Amino acid sequence: MTVRKRVLAQLARLRRKILKERLPPEDIAGGWALGMFVGCAVPFGIQLVIAIPLAMMMRVSKLGATLGTFVTNPVTIFFIYPAQTFVMNKILFGGTLSYSKLAETQWCWSAVRSLGAEIMASFFLGGFALAAILTPITYFVVKRFVVSHRRREELKRADGAAARPEGT
């Protein structure tokens, strides 16, 4: 099996698992939105420690909260973190940073701390700004996806029941 086929099969399994959750669509979407918020606003590495207990306290989808944090992962942080820091630094401090310097940064705690307070402020505020944009989008997209899927499933069941002869 090729890598592409394996990835597509894993995505299909994940999709089925997400859609099988027996929570209200609002709670599934709430879990995803929570995960997206934590994934954007909290530094990589401690996101799950925050997202899962919050999902349990809020009674939203723990699976959605977990997967939503994956917006930042070992691949995407090298694009997202420099971009959010650069944009917020431009807004707050007039752009004292070059994007190339940020792109070369190793995005770990010690590296971010060594960049100084201005960069740390840009990093965290940039993450909160990104979260403020992506969290509501995630909520409404996931809710619509779940509701439309459940509606289609209900129509299939209704069509199947109507097609069966009485007494069977």
C-alpha atoms as a PDB file:
ATOM      1  CA  MET A   1       0.000   0.000   0.000  1.00  0.00           C
ATOM      2  CA  THR A   2       1.409   3.375  -0.945  1.00  0.00           C
ATOM      3  CA  VAL A   3       1.933   6.140   1.564  1.00  0.00           C
ATOM      4  CA  ARG A   4      -0.830   8.168  -0.065  1.00  0.00           C
ATOM      5  CA  LYS A   5      -3.321   5.301   0.246  1.00  0.00           C
ATOM      6  CA  ARG A   6      -2.366   4.715   3.878  1.00  0.00           C
ATOM      7  CA  VAL A   7      -2.821   8.391   4.704  1.00  0.00           C
ATOM      8  CA  LEU A   8      -6.189   8.499   2.942  1.00  0.00           C
ATOM      9  CA  ALA A   9      -7.289   5.331   4.754  1.00  0.00           C
ATOM     10  CA  GLN A  10      -6.249   6.820   8.098  1.00  0.00           C
ATOM     11  CA  LEU A  11      -8.111  10.044   7.305  1.00  0.00           C
ATOM     12  CA  ALA A  12     -11.227   8.071   6.379  1.00  0.00           C
ATOM     13  CA  ARG A  13     -11.025   6.132   9.682  1.00  0.00           C
ATOM     14  CA  LEU A  14     -10.565   9.370  11.568  1.00  0.00           C
ATOM     15  CA  ARG A  15     -13.554  10.930   9.787  1.00  0.00           C
ATOM     16  CA  ARG A  16     -15.735   7.939  10.722  1.00  0.00           C
ATOM     17  CA  LYS A  17     -14.566   8.121  14.324  1.00  0.00           C
ATOM     18  CA  ILE A  18     -15.351  11.844  14.510  1.00  0.00           C
ATOM     19  CA  LEU A  19     -18.787  11.429  12.966  1.00  0.00           C
ATOM     20  CA  LYS A  20     -19.651   8.468  15.222  1.00  0.00           C
ATOM     21  CA  GLU A  21     -19.328  10.567  18.362  1.00  0.00           C
ATOM     22  CA  ARG A  22     -22.678  10.540  20.090  1.00  0.00           C
ATOM     23  CA  LEU A  23     -22.518  14.072  21.369  1.00  0.00           C
ATOM     24  CA  PRO A  24     -24.682  16.951  20.205  1.00  0.00           C
ATOM     25  CA  PRO A  25     -23.153  18.743  17.190  1.00  0.00           C
ATOM     26  CA  GLU A  26     -22.542  21.808  19.366  1.00  0.00           C
ATOM     27  CA  ASP A  27     -20.399  19.759  21.772  1.00  0.00           C
ATOM     28  CA  ILE A  28     -18.397  18.158  18.979  1.00  0.00           C
ATOM     29  CA  ALA A  29     -17.813  21.565  17.402  1.00  0.00           C
ATOM     30  CA  GLY A  30     -17.044  23.028  20.824  1.00  0.00           C
ATOM     31  CA  GLY A  31     -14.324  20.441  21.359  1.00  0.00           C
ATOM     32  CA  TRP A  32     -12.755  21.211  18.002  1.00  0.00           C
ATOM     33  CA  ALA A  33     -12.950  24.959  18.633  1.00  0.00           C
ATOM     34  CA  LEU A  34     -11.371  24.496  22.061  1.00  0.00           C
ATOM     35  CA  GLY A  35      -8.569  22.451  20.520  1.00  0.00           C
ATOM     36  CA  MET A  36      -8.019  25.066  17.839  1.00  0.00           C
ATOM     37  CA  PHE A  37      -7.872  27.827  20.446  1.00  0.00           C
ATOM     38  CA  VAL A  38      -5.376  25.941  22.586  1.00  0.00           C
ATOM     39  CA  GLY A  39      -3.392  24.916  19.507  1.00  0.00           C
ATOM     40  CA  CYS A  40      -2.988  28.549  18.477  1.00  0.00           C
ATOM     41  CA  ALA A  41      -2.667  30.285  21.841  1.00  0.00           C
ATOM     42  CA  VAL A  42      -0.603  27.794  23.844  1.00  0.00           C
ATOM     43  CA  PRO A  43       2.958  26.862  22.881  1.00  0.00           C
ATOM     44  CA  PHE A  44       3.568  23.489  21.299  1.00  0.00           C
ATOM     45  CA  GLY A  45       4.345  20.783  23.820  1.00  0.00           C
ATOM     46  CA  ILE A  46       1.872  21.600  26.585  1.00  0.00           C
ATOM     47  CA  GLN A  47      -1.283  21.885  24.525  1.00  0.00           C
ATOM     48  CA  LEU A  48      -2.784  18.475  25.312  1.00  0.00           C
ATOM     49  CA  VAL A  49      -2.141  18.941  29.021  1.00  0.00           C
ATOM     50  CA  ILE A  50      -4.403  21.979  28.811  1.00  0.00           C
ATOM     51  CA  ALA A  51      -6.926  20.955  26.120  1.00  0.00           C
ATOM     52  CA  ILE A  52      -8.045  17.585  27.490  1.00  0.00           C
ATOM     53  CA  PRO A  53      -8.851  18.707  31.061  1.00  0.00           C
ATOM     54  CA  LEU A  54     -10.627  21.780  29.679  1.00  0.00           C
ATOM     55  CA  ALA A  55     -12.683  19.572  27.348  1.00  0.00           C
ATOM     56  CA  MET A  56     -13.618  17.365  30.291  1.00  0.00           C
ATOM     57  CA  MET A  57     -14.623  20.364  32.405  1.00  0.00           C
ATOM     58  CA  MET A  58     -16.609  21.921  29.555  1.00  0.00           C
ATOM     59  CA  ARG A  59     -18.137  18.555  28.576  1.00  0.00           C
ATOM     60  CA  VAL A  60     -17.202  18.896  24.930  1.00  0.00           C
ATOM     61  CA  SER A  61     -15.556  16.437  22.573  1.00  0.00           C
ATOM     62  CA  LYS A  62     -12.206  15.285  23.937  1.00  0.00           C
ATOM     63  CA  LEU A  63     -11.360  13.825  20.534  1.00  0.00           C
ATOM     64  CA  GLY A  64     -12.085  17.171  18.871  1.00  0.00           C
ATOM     65  CA  ALA A  65     -10.092  19.052  21.500  1.00  0.00           C
ATOM     66  CA  THR A  66      -7.155  16.716  20.976  1.00  0.00           C
ATOM     67  CA  LEU A  67      -7.208  16.838  17.191  1.00  0.00           C
ATOM     68  CA  GLY A  68      -7.868  20.581  17.094  1.00  0.00           C
ATOM     69  CA  THR A  69      -4.547  21.211  18.841  1.00  0.00           C
ATOM     70  CA  PHE A  70      -2.761  19.578  15.927  1.00  0.00           C
ATOM     71  CA  VAL A  71      -3.049  22.828  13.952  1.00  0.00           C
ATOM     72  CA  THR A  72       0.393  23.389  15.398  1.00  0.00           C
ATOM     73  CA  ASN A  73       2.560  20.327  15.047  1.00  0.00           C
ATOM     74  CA  PRO A  74       6.248  19.618  14.401  1.00  0.00           C
ATOM     75  CA  VAL A  75       5.776  20.556  10.737  1.00  0.00           C
ATOM     76  CA  THR A  76       3.491  23.598  10.909  1.00  0.00           C
ATOM     77  CA  ILE A  77       5.174  25.446  13.795  1.00  0.00           C
ATOM     78  CA  PHE A  78       7.994  26.431  11.467  1.00  0.00           C
ATOM     79  CA  PHE A  79       5.467  28.382   9.377  1.00  0.00           C
ATOM     80  CA  ILE A  80       2.780  29.412  11.860  1.00  0.00           C
ATOM     81  CA  TYR A  81       4.957  30.620  14.744  1.00  0.00           C
ATOM     82  CA  PRO A  82       7.174  32.924  12.659  1.00  0.00           C
ATOM     83  CA  ALA A  83       4.131  34.302  10.814  1.00  0.00           C
ATOM     84  CA  GLN A  84       2.086  35.042  13.950  1.00  0.00           C
ATOM     85  CA  THR A  85       5.105  36.586  15.671  1.00  0.00           C
ATOM     86  CA  PHE A  86       6.098  38.668  12.656  1.00  0.00           C
ATOM     87  CA  VAL A  87       2.584  40.032  12.055  1.00  0.00           C
ATOM     88  CA  MET A  88       1.979  40.902  15.702  1.00  0.00           C
ATOM     89  CA  ASN A  89       5.441  42.464  15.995  1.00  0.00           C
ATOM     90  CA  LYS A  90       4.598  44.674  12.989  1.00  0.00           C
ATOM     91  CA  ILE A  91       1.298  45.710  14.592  1.00  0.00           C
ATOM     92  CA  LEU A  92       2.593  46.317  18.116  1.00  0.00           C
ATOM     93  CA  PHE A  93       6.190  47.373  17.701  1.00  0.00           C
ATOM     94  CA  GLY A  94       6.450  48.680  14.157  1.00  0.00           C
ATOM     95  CA  GLY A  95       8.233  45.621  12.815  1.00  0.00           C
ATOM     96  CA  THR A  96      11.588  45.534  14.576  1.00  0.00           C
ATOM     97  CA  LEU A  97      12.047  41.926  13.441  1.00  0.00           C
ATOM     98  CA  SER A  98      12.905  40.378  10.143  1.00  0.00           C
ATOM     99  CA  TYR A  99      10.887  37.398   9.052  1.00  0.00           C
ATOM    100  CA  SER A 100      14.060  35.569   8.039  1.00  0.00           C
ATOM    101  CA  LYS A 101      15.383  35.757  11.620  1.00  0.00           C
ATOM    102  CA  LEU A 102      12.132  34.292  12.897  1.00  0.00           C
ATOM    103  CA  ALA A 103      12.125  31.585  10.228  1.00  0.00           C
ATOM    104  CA  GLU A 104      15.611  30.512  11.321  1.00  0.00           C
ATOM    105  CA  THR A 105      14.581  30.279  14.985  1.00  0.00           C
ATOM    106  CA  GLN A 106      14.286  26.879  16.600  1.00  0.00           C
ATOM    107  CA  TRP A 107      10.847  27.115  18.154  1.00  0.00           C
ATOM    108  CA  CYS A 108      11.555  25.740  21.585  1.00  0.00           C
ATOM    109  CA  TRP A 109      11.204  27.446  24.976  1.00  0.00           C
ATOM    110  CA  SER A 110      14.864  28.346  25.350  1.00  0.00           C
ATOM    111  CA  ALA A 111      15.081  29.821  21.843  1.00  0.00           C
ATOM    112  CA  VAL A 112      11.934  31.917  22.279  1.00  0.00           C
ATOM    113  CA  ARG A 113      13.080  33.166  25.695  1.00  0.00           C
ATOM    114  CA  SER A 114      16.454  34.139  24.267  1.00  0.00           C
ATOM    115  CA  LEU A 115      14.757  36.374  21.683  1.00  0.00           C
ATOM    116  CA  GLY A 116      13.595  38.758  24.414  1.00  0.00           C
ATOM    117  CA  ALA A 117      10.413  40.175  25.893  1.00  0.00           C
ATOM    118  CA  GLU A 118       9.279  41.998  22.753  1.00  0.00           C
ATOM    119  CA  ILE A 119       9.393  38.801  20.723  1.00  0.00           C
ATOM    120  CA  MET A 120       7.719  36.764  23.438  1.00  0.00           C
ATOM    121  CA  ALA A 121       4.916  39.324  23.634  1.00  0.00           C
ATOM    122  CA  SER A 122       4.574  39.236  19.837  1.00  0.00           C
ATOM    123  CA  PHE A 123       4.554  35.443  19.890  1.00  0.00           C
ATOM    124  CA  PHE A 124       1.846  35.055  22.545  1.00  0.00           C
ATOM    125  CA  LEU A 125      -0.340  37.935  21.359  1.00  0.00           C
ATOM    126  CA  GLY A 126       0.016  36.698  17.781  1.00  0.00           C
ATOM    127  CA  GLY A 127      -1.142  33.266  18.941  1.00  0.00           C
ATOM    128  CA  PHE A 128      -4.177  34.755  20.674  1.00  0.00           C
ATOM    129  CA  ALA A 129      -5.000  36.806  17.573  1.00  0.00           C
ATOM    130  CA  LEU A 130      -4.770  33.710  15.379  1.00  0.00           C
ATOM    131  CA  ALA A 131      -6.933  31.811  17.885  1.00  0.00           C
ATOM    132  CA  ALA A 132      -9.520  34.619  17.855  1.00  0.00           C
ATOM    133  CA  ILE A 133      -9.795  34.233  14.074  1.00  0.00           C
ATOM    134  CA  LEU A 134      -9.670  30.439  13.728  1.00  0.00           C
ATOM    135  CA  THR A 135     -11.718  29.353  16.768  1.00  0.00           C
ATOM    136  CA  PRO A 136     -15.140  30.593  15.617  1.00  0.00           C
ATOM    137  CA  ILE A 137     -14.461  29.467  12.043  1.00  0.00           C
ATOM    138  CA  THR A 138     -13.606  25.984  13.326  1.00  0.00           C
ATOM    139  CA  TYR A 139     -16.728  25.845  15.489  1.00  0.00           C
ATOM    140  CA  PHE A 140     -19.136  26.743  12.693  1.00  0.00           C
ATOM    141  CA  VAL A 141     -17.455  24.589  10.029  1.00  0.00           C
ATOM    142  CA  VAL A 142     -17.365  21.487  12.239  1.00  0.00           C
ATOM    143  CA  LYS A 143     -20.923  22.012  13.481  1.00  0.00           C
ATOM    144  CA  ARG A 144     -22.211  22.381   9.932  1.00  0.00           C
ATOM    145  CA  PHE A 145     -20.259  19.294   8.847  1.00  0.00           C
ATOM    146  CA  VAL A 146     -21.686  17.151  11.675  1.00  0.00           C
ATOM    147  CA  VAL A 147     -25.256  18.425  11.260  1.00  0.00           C
ATOM    148  CA  SER A 148     -25.255  17.863   7.491  1.00  0.00           C
ATOM    149  CA  HIS A 149     -23.743  14.393   7.908  1.00  0.00           C
ATOM    150  CA  ARG A 150     -26.380  13.416  10.469  1.00  0.00           C
ATOM    151  CA  ARG A 151     -29.139  14.813   8.261  1.00  0.00           C
ATOM    152  CA  ARG A 152     -27.883  12.708   5.309  1.00  0.00           C
ATOM    153  CA  GLU A 153     -27.717   9.610   7.520  1.00  0.00           C
ATOM    154  CA  GLU A 154     -31.262  10.215   8.759  1.00  0.00           C
ATOM    155  CA  LEU A 155     -32.524  10.573   5.183  1.00  0.00           C
ATOM    156  CA  LYS A 156     -30.800   7.309   4.221  1.00  0.00           C
ATOM    157  CA  ARG A 157     -32.441   5.529   7.149  1.00  0.00           C
ATOM    158  CA  ALA A 158     -35.829   7.017   6.283  1.00  0.00           C
ATOM    159  CA  ASP A 159     -35.454   6.017   2.606  1.00  0.00           C
ATOM    160  CA  GLY A 160     -34.390   2.506   3.621  1.00  0.00           C
ATOM    161  CA  ALA A 161     -37.363   2.148   5.968  1.00  0.00           C
ATOM    162  CA  ALA A 162     -39.767   3.410   3.289  1.00  0.00           C
ATOM    163  CA  ALA A 163     -38.354   1.001   0.692  1.00  0.00           C
ATOM    164  CA  ARG A 164     -38.857  -2.082   2.918  1.00  0.00           C
ATOM    165  CA  PRO A 165     -42.183  -3.845   2.515  1.00  0.00           C
ATOM    166  CA  GLU A 166     -44.432  -3.883   5.548  1.00  0.00           C
ATOM    167  CA  GLY A 167     -44.116  -6.876   7.809  1.00  0.00           C
ATOM    168  CA  THR A 168     -40.372  -7.313   7.315  1.00  0.00           C
END
